[in-house]
Amino acid sequence: MRHFLIILFAVCCFTTSSYSQTEQTSIIAGGGFDMTFSRQDSVRIFTMNITPSFGYFIAKNLMLGFSLGIGLTSDNKARNKQNRIFLNTLFVPTVRYYFLKGNLKPFLFAKFGYLSSTSLIRGNSGNVDGITGGGGIGFDYFATKNLAVECSFGYNGTKYTNRSLNSQTGITVGLQYFFHKQKKLPDYNLKN
């Protein structure tokens, strides 16, 4: 299995087919979905998040974009083991810089934005705001001219008002779709 992965990586790195995926005026759309269940002692936690993302290449290989997210967290940490529900939202601007040519395009990224969590506990609600940010490295492997499988590794920090910083490092895998500006065809209409 290890030899297969090494060969697959080598093929991806040395593929010379060239597309113009990261040219100026291209648009990228993608996103992620995650769902987790965890249990520690008598505490059960369920989390589900949907995070669509969009970007626009303002120059060759330089993308500005943003992620919008909505999620739900439920646990039983309240008194008498009552369930608590949290509705989480976020808006995170992002910048990416791609380098190299070919089907495998590595990139560097940075992000910083706003998040909010609204809690619903036994008919009472409360809201807390915060900031999130991070950065890292990744790559898009273009299976077609428009569709890329994405993998990234990075750091993410979250800080809610009056709470301590929550830091995480991790790997994210997803799909991205690239829209390209149509090139105008020459007008061969001959007038008599």
N, C-alpha and C. Protein backbone atom coordinates (compact mmCIF):
# COMPACT_ATOMS: atom_id res chain seq x y z
N MET A 1 0.84 -1.20 0.00
CA MET A 1 0.00 0.00 0.00
C MET A 1 0.88 1.26 0.00
N ARG A 2 1.96 1.20 0.78
CA ARG A 2 2.84 2.36 0.87
C ARG A 2 3.46 2.68 -0.49
N HIS A 3 3.84 1.64 -1.24
CA HIS A 3 4.43 1.85 -2.56
C HIS A 3 3.41 2.45 -3.53
N PHE A 4 2.16 2.01 -3.43
CA PHE A 4 1.10 2.57 -4.26
C PHE A 4 0.93 4.06 -4.01
N LEU A 5 0.93 4.48 -2.73
CA LEU A 5 0.78 5.89 -2.40
C LEU A 5 1.97 6.71 -2.90
N ILE A 6 3.17 6.17 -2.81
CA ILE A 6 4.36 6.88 -3.30
C ILE A 6 4.27 7.06 -4.82
N ILE A 7 3.86 6.01 -5.54
CA ILE A 7 3.72 6.11 -6.99
C ILE A 7 2.63 7.10 -7.36
N LEU A 8 1.49 7.06 -6.67
CA LEU A 8 0.40 8.00 -6.93
C LEU A 8 0.85 9.44 -6.70
N PHE A 9 1.59 9.69 -5.62
CA PHE A 9 2.09 11.03 -5.33
C PHE A 9 3.05 11.49 -6.43
N ALA A 10 3.95 10.60 -6.89
CA ALA A 10 4.91 10.95 -7.95
C ALA A 10 4.19 11.29 -9.25
N VAL A 11 3.17 10.51 -9.60
CA VAL A 11 2.42 10.80 -10.82
C VAL A 11 1.74 12.15 -10.72
N CYS A 12 1.14 12.44 -9.56
CA CYS A 12 0.48 13.73 -9.38
C CYS A 12 1.47 14.88 -9.48
N CYS A 13 2.65 14.72 -8.91
CA CYS A 13 3.64 15.81 -8.90
C CYS A 13 4.22 16.07 -10.29
N PHE A 14 4.36 15.03 -11.10
CA PHE A 14 5.04 15.20 -12.37
C PHE A 14 4.10 15.24 -13.56
N THR A 15 2.82 15.37 -13.32
CA THR A 15 1.87 15.52 -14.41
C THR A 15 2.08 16.91 -15.01
N THR A 16 2.23 16.98 -16.32
CA THR A 16 2.53 18.27 -16.94
C THR A 16 1.36 18.90 -17.66
N SER A 17 0.22 18.26 -17.62
CA SER A 17 -0.97 18.86 -18.24
C SER A 17 -1.24 20.20 -17.57
N SER A 18 -1.45 21.22 -18.36
CA SER A 18 -1.59 22.56 -17.80
C SER A 18 -2.96 23.15 -18.11
N TYR A 19 -3.65 23.52 -17.09
CA TYR A 19 -4.92 24.21 -17.22
C TYR A 19 -4.74 25.61 -16.64
N SER A 20 -5.67 26.48 -16.94
CA SER A 20 -5.57 27.85 -16.43
C SER A 20 -6.56 28.04 -15.28
N GLN A 21 -6.52 27.14 -14.29
CA GLN A 21 -7.48 27.17 -13.20
C GLN A 21 -7.36 28.41 -12.33
N THR A 22 -6.17 28.90 -12.14
CA THR A 22 -5.94 29.99 -11.18
C THR A 22 -5.61 31.31 -11.89
N GLU A 23 -6.13 31.47 -13.09
CA GLU A 23 -5.93 32.72 -13.83
C GLU A 23 -6.83 33.81 -13.26
N GLN A 24 -6.44 35.06 -13.51
CA GLN A 24 -7.23 36.20 -13.08
C GLN A 24 -8.65 36.08 -13.62
N THR A 25 -9.63 36.45 -12.84
CA THR A 25 -11.08 36.43 -13.08
C THR A 25 -11.71 35.04 -12.93
N SER A 26 -10.93 33.99 -12.63
CA SER A 26 -11.55 32.70 -12.34
C SER A 26 -12.25 32.78 -11.00
N ILE A 27 -13.26 31.96 -10.82
CA ILE A 27 -14.04 31.92 -9.57
C ILE A 27 -13.96 30.51 -9.02
N ILE A 28 -13.87 30.40 -7.71
CA ILE A 28 -13.80 29.10 -7.05
C ILE A 28 -14.99 28.99 -6.09
N ALA A 29 -15.62 27.82 -6.07
CA ALA A 29 -16.72 27.56 -5.15
C ALA A 29 -16.55 26.16 -4.58
N GLY A 30 -16.79 26.03 -3.31
CA GLY A 30 -16.64 24.73 -2.67
C GLY A 30 -17.29 24.76 -1.31
N GLY A 31 -16.77 23.95 -0.45
CA GLY A 31 -17.32 23.95 0.90
C GLY A 31 -17.05 22.66 1.61
N GLY A 32 -17.60 22.60 2.80
CA GLY A 32 -17.39 21.43 3.61
C GLY A 32 -18.60 21.09 4.45
N PHE A 33 -18.65 19.87 4.88
CA PHE A 33 -19.70 19.38 5.76
C PHE A 33 -19.03 18.45 6.75
N ASP A 34 -19.29 18.65 8.03
CA ASP A 34 -18.75 17.71 9.00
C ASP A 34 -19.78 17.42 10.08
N MET A 35 -19.67 16.21 10.62
CA MET A 35 -20.56 15.78 11.67
C MET A 35 -19.73 14.94 12.64
N THR A 36 -19.80 15.26 13.93
CA THR A 36 -19.03 14.51 14.92
C THR A 36 -19.91 14.14 16.11
N PHE A 37 -19.62 12.99 16.67
CA PHE A 37 -20.24 12.52 17.90
C PHE A 37 -19.10 12.22 18.86
N SER A 38 -19.20 12.66 20.09
CA SER A 38 -18.18 12.32 21.07
C SER A 38 -18.83 12.10 22.43
N ARG A 39 -18.13 11.36 23.26
CA ARG A 39 -18.63 11.07 24.60
C ARG A 39 -17.44 11.00 25.54
N GLN A 40 -17.55 11.72 26.65
CA GLN A 40 -16.52 11.67 27.68
C GLN A 40 -17.24 11.57 29.02
N ASP A 41 -16.99 10.49 29.72
CA ASP A 41 -17.73 10.18 30.95
C ASP A 41 -19.22 10.17 30.62
N SER A 42 -20.01 11.01 31.27
CA SER A 42 -21.45 11.02 30.99
C SER A 42 -21.87 12.16 30.06
N VAL A 43 -20.90 12.87 29.50
CA VAL A 43 -21.20 14.00 28.61
C VAL A 43 -21.18 13.53 27.16
N ARG A 44 -22.30 13.77 26.47
CA ARG A 44 -22.43 13.44 25.05
C ARG A 44 -22.47 14.73 24.25
N ILE A 45 -21.70 14.79 23.14
CA ILE A 45 -21.66 16.00 22.32
C ILE A 45 -21.87 15.60 20.86
N PHE A 46 -22.76 16.33 20.18
CA PHE A 46 -23.02 16.16 18.75
C PHE A 46 -22.79 17.51 18.07
N THR A 47 -22.04 17.51 16.98
CA THR A 47 -21.78 18.74 16.23
C THR A 47 -21.97 18.47 14.75
N MET A 48 -22.60 19.44 14.05
CA MET A 48 -22.79 19.36 12.61
C MET A 48 -22.57 20.76 12.04
N ASN A 49 -21.76 20.87 11.00
CA ASN A 49 -21.45 22.17 10.38
C ASN A 49 -21.52 22.07 8.86
N ILE A 50 -22.04 23.11 8.23
CA ILE A 50 -22.03 23.26 6.78
C ILE A 50 -21.34 24.58 6.48
N THR A 51 -20.30 24.54 5.63
CA THR A 51 -19.50 25.74 5.38
C THR A 51 -19.22 25.91 3.89
N PRO A 52 -20.11 26.58 3.15
CA PRO A 52 -19.79 26.89 1.74
C PRO A 52 -18.72 27.99 1.67
N SER A 53 -17.91 27.93 0.62
CA SER A 53 -16.87 28.95 0.44
C SER A 53 -16.83 29.41 -1.01
N PHE A 54 -16.42 30.65 -1.21
CA PHE A 54 -16.37 31.27 -2.53
C PHE A 54 -15.10 32.10 -2.63
N GLY A 55 -14.57 32.23 -3.86
CA GLY A 55 -13.38 33.05 -4.05
C GLY A 55 -13.29 33.58 -5.46
N TYR A 56 -12.51 34.64 -5.62
CA TYR A 56 -12.31 35.30 -6.91
C TYR A 56 -10.82 35.59 -7.07
N PHE A 57 -10.27 35.23 -8.21
CA PHE A 57 -8.84 35.46 -8.46
C PHE A 57 -8.66 36.89 -8.96
N ILE A 58 -8.09 37.74 -8.10
CA ILE A 58 -7.87 39.14 -8.46
C ILE A 58 -6.62 39.31 -9.32
N ALA A 59 -5.74 38.31 -9.30
CA ALA A 59 -4.55 38.27 -10.14
C ALA A 59 -4.22 36.79 -10.34
N LYS A 60 -3.29 36.52 -11.24
CA LYS A 60 -2.92 35.12 -11.46
C LYS A 60 -2.41 34.52 -10.15
N ASN A 61 -3.00 33.41 -9.74
CA ASN A 61 -2.64 32.64 -8.55
C ASN A 61 -3.01 33.29 -7.22
N LEU A 62 -3.61 34.48 -7.21
CA LEU A 62 -3.96 35.16 -5.96
C LEU A 62 -5.48 35.26 -5.84
N MET A 63 -6.03 34.57 -4.83
CA MET A 63 -7.47 34.52 -4.63
C MET A 63 -7.87 35.20 -3.34
N LEU A 64 -8.94 36.01 -3.41
CA LEU A 64 -9.59 36.56 -2.23
C LEU A 64 -10.96 35.91 -2.15
N GLY A 65 -11.34 35.49 -0.96
CA GLY A 65 -12.63 34.82 -0.84
C GLY A 65 -13.16 34.88 0.58
N PHE A 66 -14.19 34.08 0.83
CA PHE A 66 -14.78 34.03 2.15
C PHE A 66 -15.52 32.72 2.35
N SER A 67 -15.72 32.36 3.60
CA SER A 67 -16.52 31.21 3.99
C SER A 67 -17.68 31.69 4.84
N LEU A 68 -18.84 31.10 4.61
CA LEU A 68 -20.00 31.33 5.45
C LEU A 68 -20.29 29.99 6.12
N GLY A 69 -20.59 30.01 7.38
CA GLY A 69 -20.84 28.74 8.03
C GLY A 69 -22.03 28.79 8.95
N ILE A 70 -22.69 27.67 9.04
CA ILE A 70 -23.77 27.52 10.01
C ILE A 70 -23.64 26.12 10.59
N GLY A 71 -23.82 26.04 11.90
CA GLY A 71 -23.66 24.75 12.54
C GLY A 71 -24.52 24.61 13.77
N LEU A 72 -24.55 23.41 14.28
CA LEU A 72 -25.36 23.08 15.43
C LEU A 72 -24.54 22.21 16.36
N THR A 73 -24.54 22.56 17.64
CA THR A 73 -23.88 21.74 18.65
C THR A 73 -24.89 21.43 19.74
N SER A 74 -24.92 20.19 20.16
CA SER A 74 -25.83 19.79 21.23
C SER A 74 -25.04 18.97 22.24
N ASP A 75 -25.26 19.25 23.52
CA ASP A 75 -24.63 18.46 24.58
C ASP A 75 -25.56 18.36 25.78
N ASN A 76 -25.17 17.59 26.76
CA ASN A 76 -25.98 17.41 27.96
C ASN A 76 -25.21 17.88 29.20
N LYS A 77 -24.51 19.03 29.08
CA LYS A 77 -23.70 19.54 30.19
C LYS A 77 -24.50 20.41 31.16
N ALA A 78 -25.72 20.76 30.82
CA ALA A 78 -26.51 21.62 31.71
C ALA A 78 -26.87 20.85 32.98
N ARG A 79 -27.37 21.58 33.98
CA ARG A 79 -27.78 20.94 35.24
C ARG A 79 -28.79 19.84 34.98
N ASN A 80 -28.75 18.82 35.78
CA ASN A 80 -29.65 17.67 35.66
C ASN A 80 -29.56 17.01 34.29
N LYS A 81 -28.41 17.17 33.64
CA LYS A 81 -28.14 16.56 32.34
C LYS A 81 -29.16 16.93 31.27
N GLN A 82 -29.70 18.14 31.36
CA GLN A 82 -30.60 18.65 30.32
C GLN A 82 -29.78 18.96 29.07
N ASN A 83 -30.39 18.80 27.92
CA ASN A 83 -29.69 19.10 26.67
C ASN A 83 -29.56 20.60 26.46
N ARG A 84 -28.40 21.02 25.96
CA ARG A 84 -28.17 22.39 25.53
C ARG A 84 -27.98 22.36 24.02
N ILE A 85 -28.47 23.37 23.35
CA ILE A 85 -28.30 23.47 21.89
C ILE A 85 -27.67 24.82 21.59
N PHE A 86 -26.67 24.80 20.69
CA PHE A 86 -25.97 26.02 20.27
C PHE A 86 -26.08 26.13 18.75
N LEU A 87 -26.52 27.29 18.28
CA LEU A 87 -26.53 27.59 16.85
C LEU A 87 -25.30 28.46 16.58
N ASN A 88 -24.41 27.97 15.73
CA ASN A 88 -23.14 28.65 15.46
C ASN A 88 -23.14 29.20 14.04
N THR A 89 -22.70 30.44 13.87
CA THR A 89 -22.57 31.05 12.55
C THR A 89 -21.19 31.70 12.44
N LEU A 90 -20.70 31.81 11.20
CA LEU A 90 -19.40 32.45 11.00
C LEU A 90 -19.31 33.09 9.64
N PHE A 91 -18.45 34.10 9.54
CA PHE A 91 -18.09 34.76 8.29
C PHE A 91 -16.59 34.97 8.33
N VAL A 92 -15.86 34.32 7.42
CA VAL A 92 -14.40 34.34 7.48
C VAL A 92 -13.81 34.69 6.11
N PRO A 93 -13.30 35.93 5.91
CA PRO A 93 -12.55 36.26 4.70
C PRO A 93 -11.24 35.46 4.64
N THR A 94 -10.84 35.12 3.41
CA THR A 94 -9.67 34.26 3.20
C THR A 94 -8.83 34.80 2.05
N VAL A 95 -7.53 34.60 2.12
CA VAL A 95 -6.64 34.91 1.01
C VAL A 95 -5.80 33.65 0.75
N ARG A 96 -5.59 33.34 -0.55
CA ARG A 96 -4.79 32.18 -0.95
C ARG A 96 -3.81 32.60 -2.03
N TYR A 97 -2.63 31.98 -2.00
CA TYR A 97 -1.68 32.17 -3.09
C TYR A 97 -1.25 30.79 -3.59
N TYR A 98 -1.53 30.50 -4.86
CA TYR A 98 -1.16 29.25 -5.49
C TYR A 98 0.20 29.39 -6.16
N PHE A 99 0.94 28.28 -6.23
CA PHE A 99 2.20 28.29 -6.95
C PHE A 99 2.40 26.94 -7.65
N LEU A 100 3.34 26.89 -8.56
CA LEU A 100 3.65 25.77 -9.44
C LEU A 100 2.60 25.64 -10.54
N LYS A 101 2.93 24.85 -11.56
CA LYS A 101 2.03 24.61 -12.68
C LYS A 101 1.67 23.14 -12.71
N GLY A 102 0.63 22.81 -13.42
CA GLY A 102 0.23 21.42 -13.57
C GLY A 102 -1.06 21.11 -12.84
N ASN A 103 -1.35 19.83 -12.74
CA ASN A 103 -2.59 19.39 -12.10
C ASN A 103 -2.53 19.48 -10.58
N LEU A 104 -1.36 19.47 -10.00
CA LEU A 104 -1.20 19.56 -8.55
C LEU A 104 -0.70 20.96 -8.22
N LYS A 105 -1.58 21.76 -7.59
CA LYS A 105 -1.24 23.17 -7.32
C LYS A 105 -1.22 23.40 -5.82
N PRO A 106 -0.04 23.51 -5.21
CA PRO A 106 0.05 23.85 -3.79
C PRO A 106 -0.36 25.31 -3.56
N PHE A 107 -0.78 25.62 -2.33
CA PHE A 107 -1.13 26.99 -1.98
C PHE A 107 -0.85 27.26 -0.51
N LEU A 108 -0.69 28.54 -0.21
CA LEU A 108 -0.62 29.04 1.16
C LEU A 108 -1.91 29.80 1.42
N PHE A 109 -2.42 29.76 2.65
CA PHE A 109 -3.66 30.49 2.93
C PHE A 109 -3.62 31.12 4.31
N ALA A 110 -4.41 32.17 4.44
CA ALA A 110 -4.61 32.84 5.73
C ALA A 110 -6.07 33.26 5.80
N LYS A 111 -6.63 33.26 7.01
CA LYS A 111 -8.04 33.63 7.19
C LYS A 111 -8.22 34.30 8.54
N PHE A 112 -9.22 35.18 8.59
CA PHE A 112 -9.54 35.87 9.83
C PHE A 112 -10.98 36.36 9.73
N GLY A 113 -11.79 36.09 10.75
CA GLY A 113 -13.18 36.51 10.66
C GLY A 113 -13.94 36.49 11.96
N TYR A 114 -15.26 36.56 11.83
CA TYR A 114 -16.21 36.73 12.93
C TYR A 114 -17.02 35.45 13.10
N LEU A 115 -17.35 35.13 14.35
CA LEU A 115 -18.24 34.02 14.62
C LEU A 115 -19.16 34.36 15.78
N SER A 116 -20.29 33.66 15.83
CA SER A 116 -21.29 33.90 16.86
C SER A 116 -21.90 32.57 17.27
N SER A 117 -22.25 32.45 18.54
CA SER A 117 -22.90 31.24 19.03
C SER A 117 -24.09 31.65 19.89
N THR A 118 -25.25 31.13 19.54
CA THR A 118 -26.47 31.39 20.30
C THR A 118 -26.87 30.11 21.02
N SER A 119 -27.02 30.19 22.34
CA SER A 119 -27.38 29.00 23.12
C SER A 119 -28.86 28.99 23.46
N LEU A 120 -29.43 27.80 23.45
CA LEU A 120 -30.82 27.59 23.84
C LEU A 120 -30.83 26.52 24.93
N ILE A 121 -31.12 26.95 26.15
CA ILE A 121 -31.12 26.04 27.29
C ILE A 121 -32.44 26.19 28.04
N ARG A 122 -33.26 25.16 28.01
CA ARG A 122 -34.53 25.15 28.73
C ARG A 122 -35.34 26.43 28.51
N GLY A 123 -35.51 26.83 27.28
CA GLY A 123 -36.32 28.00 26.96
C GLY A 123 -35.61 29.33 27.08
N ASN A 124 -34.40 29.36 27.61
CA ASN A 124 -33.62 30.60 27.71
C ASN A 124 -32.59 30.63 26.59
N SER A 125 -32.29 31.83 26.12
CA SER A 125 -31.28 31.95 25.07
C SER A 125 -30.24 32.98 25.47
N GLY A 126 -29.07 32.83 24.90
CA GLY A 126 -27.97 33.75 25.13
C GLY A 126 -27.09 33.77 23.90
N ASN A 127 -26.33 34.84 23.73
CA ASN A 127 -25.49 34.99 22.56
C ASN A 127 -24.08 35.39 22.97
N VAL A 128 -23.10 34.83 22.30
CA VAL A 128 -21.71 35.22 22.53
C VAL A 128 -21.03 35.35 21.17
N ASP A 129 -20.24 36.41 20.98
CA ASP A 129 -19.54 36.66 19.73
C ASP A 129 -18.05 36.39 19.93
N GLY A 130 -17.35 36.24 18.82
CA GLY A 130 -15.92 36.02 18.90
C GLY A 130 -15.24 36.21 17.56
N ILE A 131 -13.96 35.90 17.54
CA ILE A 131 -13.15 35.99 16.33
C ILE A 131 -12.47 34.64 16.09
N THR A 132 -12.14 34.40 14.85
CA THR A 132 -11.43 33.19 14.48
C THR A 132 -10.41 33.53 13.41
N GLY A 133 -9.33 32.81 13.38
CA GLY A 133 -8.30 33.06 12.38
C GLY A 133 -7.32 31.92 12.30
N GLY A 134 -6.52 31.92 11.27
CA GLY A 134 -5.53 30.87 11.12
C GLY A 134 -4.87 30.92 9.76
N GLY A 135 -4.16 29.86 9.45
CA GLY A 135 -3.46 29.78 8.18
C GLY A 135 -2.80 28.44 8.03
N GLY A 136 -2.21 28.21 6.87
CA GLY A 136 -1.54 26.94 6.64
C GLY A 136 -1.17 26.75 5.18
N ILE A 137 -0.99 25.47 4.84
CA ILE A 137 -0.61 25.08 3.48
C ILE A 137 -1.60 24.04 2.98
N GLY A 138 -1.66 23.87 1.67
CA GLY A 138 -2.54 22.86 1.10
C GLY A 138 -2.24 22.67 -0.36
N PHE A 139 -3.04 21.82 -1.00
CA PHE A 139 -2.92 21.65 -2.44
C PHE A 139 -4.28 21.28 -3.02
N ASP A 140 -4.46 21.66 -4.27
CA ASP A 140 -5.61 21.24 -5.06
C ASP A 140 -5.09 20.31 -6.15
N TYR A 141 -5.67 19.11 -6.23
CA TYR A 141 -5.35 18.21 -7.32
C TYR A 141 -6.51 18.26 -8.31
N PHE A 142 -6.23 18.72 -9.53
CA PHE A 142 -7.26 18.91 -10.54
C PHE A 142 -7.51 17.61 -11.28
N ALA A 143 -8.63 16.97 -10.96
CA ALA A 143 -9.04 15.74 -11.64
C ALA A 143 -9.55 16.08 -13.04
N THR A 144 -10.17 17.26 -13.18
CA THR A 144 -10.58 17.79 -14.48
C THR A 144 -10.16 19.25 -14.51
N LYS A 145 -10.47 19.93 -15.60
CA LYS A 145 -10.12 21.34 -15.71
C LYS A 145 -10.81 22.17 -14.63
N ASN A 146 -11.99 21.77 -14.20
CA ASN A 146 -12.77 22.56 -13.26
C ASN A 146 -12.87 21.98 -11.86
N LEU A 147 -12.69 20.70 -11.68
CA LEU A 147 -12.93 20.05 -10.39
C LEU A 147 -11.62 19.63 -9.73
N ALA A 148 -11.44 20.07 -8.48
CA ALA A 148 -10.22 19.75 -7.75
C ALA A 148 -10.55 19.11 -6.40
N VAL A 149 -9.75 18.12 -6.04
CA VAL A 149 -9.79 17.55 -4.70
C VAL A 149 -8.80 18.35 -3.88
N GLU A 150 -9.23 18.82 -2.73
CA GLU A 150 -8.40 19.72 -1.93
C GLU A 150 -8.03 19.08 -0.60
N CYS A 151 -6.80 19.30 -0.21
CA CYS A 151 -6.32 18.86 1.10
C CYS A 151 -5.49 19.99 1.69
N SER A 152 -5.74 20.34 2.95
CA SER A 152 -4.96 21.40 3.57
C SER A 152 -4.64 21.04 5.02
N PHE A 153 -3.55 21.58 5.49
CA PHE A 153 -3.12 21.40 6.88
C PHE A 153 -2.87 22.79 7.45
N GLY A 154 -3.44 23.06 8.62
CA GLY A 154 -3.25 24.39 9.17
C GLY A 154 -3.64 24.53 10.62
N TYR A 155 -3.48 25.75 11.08
CA TYR A 155 -3.80 26.15 12.45
C TYR A 155 -5.08 26.98 12.42
N ASN A 156 -5.92 26.81 13.44
CA ASN A 156 -7.10 27.64 13.59
C ASN A 156 -7.26 27.99 15.07
N GLY A 157 -7.47 29.27 15.34
CA GLY A 157 -7.71 29.73 16.70
C GLY A 157 -9.08 30.38 16.80
N THR A 158 -9.78 30.12 17.88
CA THR A 158 -11.10 30.70 18.12
C THR A 158 -11.11 31.34 19.50
N LYS A 159 -11.61 32.57 19.58
CA LYS A 159 -11.66 33.29 20.86
C LYS A 159 -13.01 33.96 20.99
N TYR A 160 -13.84 33.45 21.89
CA TYR A 160 -15.12 34.08 22.21
C TYR A 160 -14.89 35.13 23.28
N THR A 161 -15.77 36.13 23.34
CA THR A 161 -15.69 37.19 24.34
C THR A 161 -15.67 36.60 25.74
N ASN A 162 -14.74 37.04 26.57
CA ASN A 162 -14.59 36.60 27.96
C ASN A 162 -14.32 35.11 28.12
N ARG A 163 -13.73 34.50 27.11
CA ARG A 163 -13.35 33.08 27.20
C ARG A 163 -11.92 32.93 26.71
N SER A 164 -11.30 31.82 27.03
CA SER A 164 -9.92 31.60 26.64
C SER A 164 -9.84 31.15 25.18
N LEU A 165 -8.64 31.29 24.60
CA LEU A 165 -8.39 30.93 23.21
C LEU A 165 -8.44 29.42 23.04
N ASN A 166 -9.13 28.97 22.01
CA ASN A 166 -9.19 27.55 21.67
C ASN A 166 -8.37 27.37 20.40
N SER A 167 -7.25 26.65 20.48
CA SER A 167 -6.35 26.45 19.34
C SER A 167 -6.46 25.03 18.82
N GLN A 168 -6.42 24.89 17.48
CA GLN A 168 -6.49 23.57 16.86
C GLN A 168 -5.58 23.53 15.64
N THR A 169 -4.98 22.38 15.40
CA THR A 169 -4.30 22.12 14.14
C THR A 169 -4.96 20.88 13.56
N GLY A 170 -5.07 20.85 12.24
CA GLY A 170 -5.72 19.69 11.65
C GLY A 170 -5.64 19.66 10.15
N ILE A 171 -6.17 18.58 9.60
CA ILE A 171 -6.20 18.36 8.16
C ILE A 171 -7.64 18.47 7.69
N THR A 172 -7.84 19.16 6.57
CA THR A 172 -9.16 19.31 5.97
C THR A 172 -9.11 18.77 4.55
N VAL A 173 -10.13 18.01 4.16
CA VAL A 173 -10.24 17.47 2.81
C VAL A 173 -11.58 17.92 2.23
N GLY A 174 -11.61 18.30 0.97
CA GLY A 174 -12.85 18.74 0.36
C GLY A 174 -12.76 18.78 -1.16
N LEU A 175 -13.80 19.32 -1.78
CA LEU A 175 -13.85 19.49 -3.23
C LEU A 175 -14.02 20.98 -3.54
N GLN A 176 -13.40 21.42 -4.62
CA GLN A 176 -13.54 22.79 -5.10
C GLN A 176 -13.89 22.75 -6.58
N TYR A 177 -14.74 23.68 -7.00
CA TYR A 177 -15.09 23.79 -8.41
C TYR A 177 -14.64 25.16 -8.90
N PHE A 178 -13.92 25.19 -10.03
CA PHE A 178 -13.37 26.41 -10.60
C PHE A 178 -14.15 26.79 -11.85
N PHE A 179 -14.65 28.03 -11.87
CA PHE A 179 -15.36 28.57 -13.03
C PHE A 179 -14.38 29.48 -13.76
N HIS A 180 -14.29 29.32 -15.07
CA HIS A 180 -13.34 30.10 -15.86
C HIS A 180 -14.09 31.01 -16.83
N LYS A 181 -13.53 32.18 -17.05
CA LYS A 181 -14.11 33.12 -18.02
C LYS A 181 -13.99 32.51 -19.41
N GLN A 182 -15.09 32.55 -20.13
CA GLN A 182 -15.09 32.01 -21.49
C GLN A 182 -14.29 32.93 -22.41
N LYS A 183 -13.42 32.32 -23.21
CA LYS A 183 -12.66 33.10 -24.18
C LYS A 183 -13.54 33.39 -25.38
N LYS A 184 -13.46 34.62 -25.89
CA LYS A 184 -14.24 34.99 -27.06
C LYS A 184 -13.62 34.35 -28.29
N LEU A 185 -14.49 33.78 -29.11
CA LEU A 185 -14.04 33.19 -30.36
C LEU A 185 -13.94 34.29 -31.41
N PRO A 186 -13.01 34.16 -32.34
CA PRO A 186 -12.91 35.17 -33.39
C PRO A 186 -14.16 35.21 -34.24
N ASP A 187 -14.51 36.37 -34.70
CA ASP A 187 -15.70 36.56 -35.53
C ASP A 187 -15.30 36.37 -37.00
N TYR A 188 -15.72 35.23 -37.54
CA TYR A 188 -15.39 34.95 -38.94
C TYR A 188 -16.55 35.26 -39.88
N ASN A 189 -17.45 36.08 -39.42
CA ASN A 189 -18.61 36.45 -40.23
C ASN A 189 -18.13 37.35 -41.37
N LEU A 190 -18.21 36.84 -42.56
CA LEU A 190 -17.76 37.63 -43.72
C LEU A 190 -18.94 38.39 -44.31
N LYS A 191 -18.74 39.64 -44.52
CA LYS A 191 -19.80 40.48 -45.10
C LYS A 191 -19.59 40.57 -46.60
N ASN A 192 -20.65 40.45 -47.35
CA ASN A 192 -20.57 40.54 -48.81
C ASN A 192 -20.66 41.95 -49.28
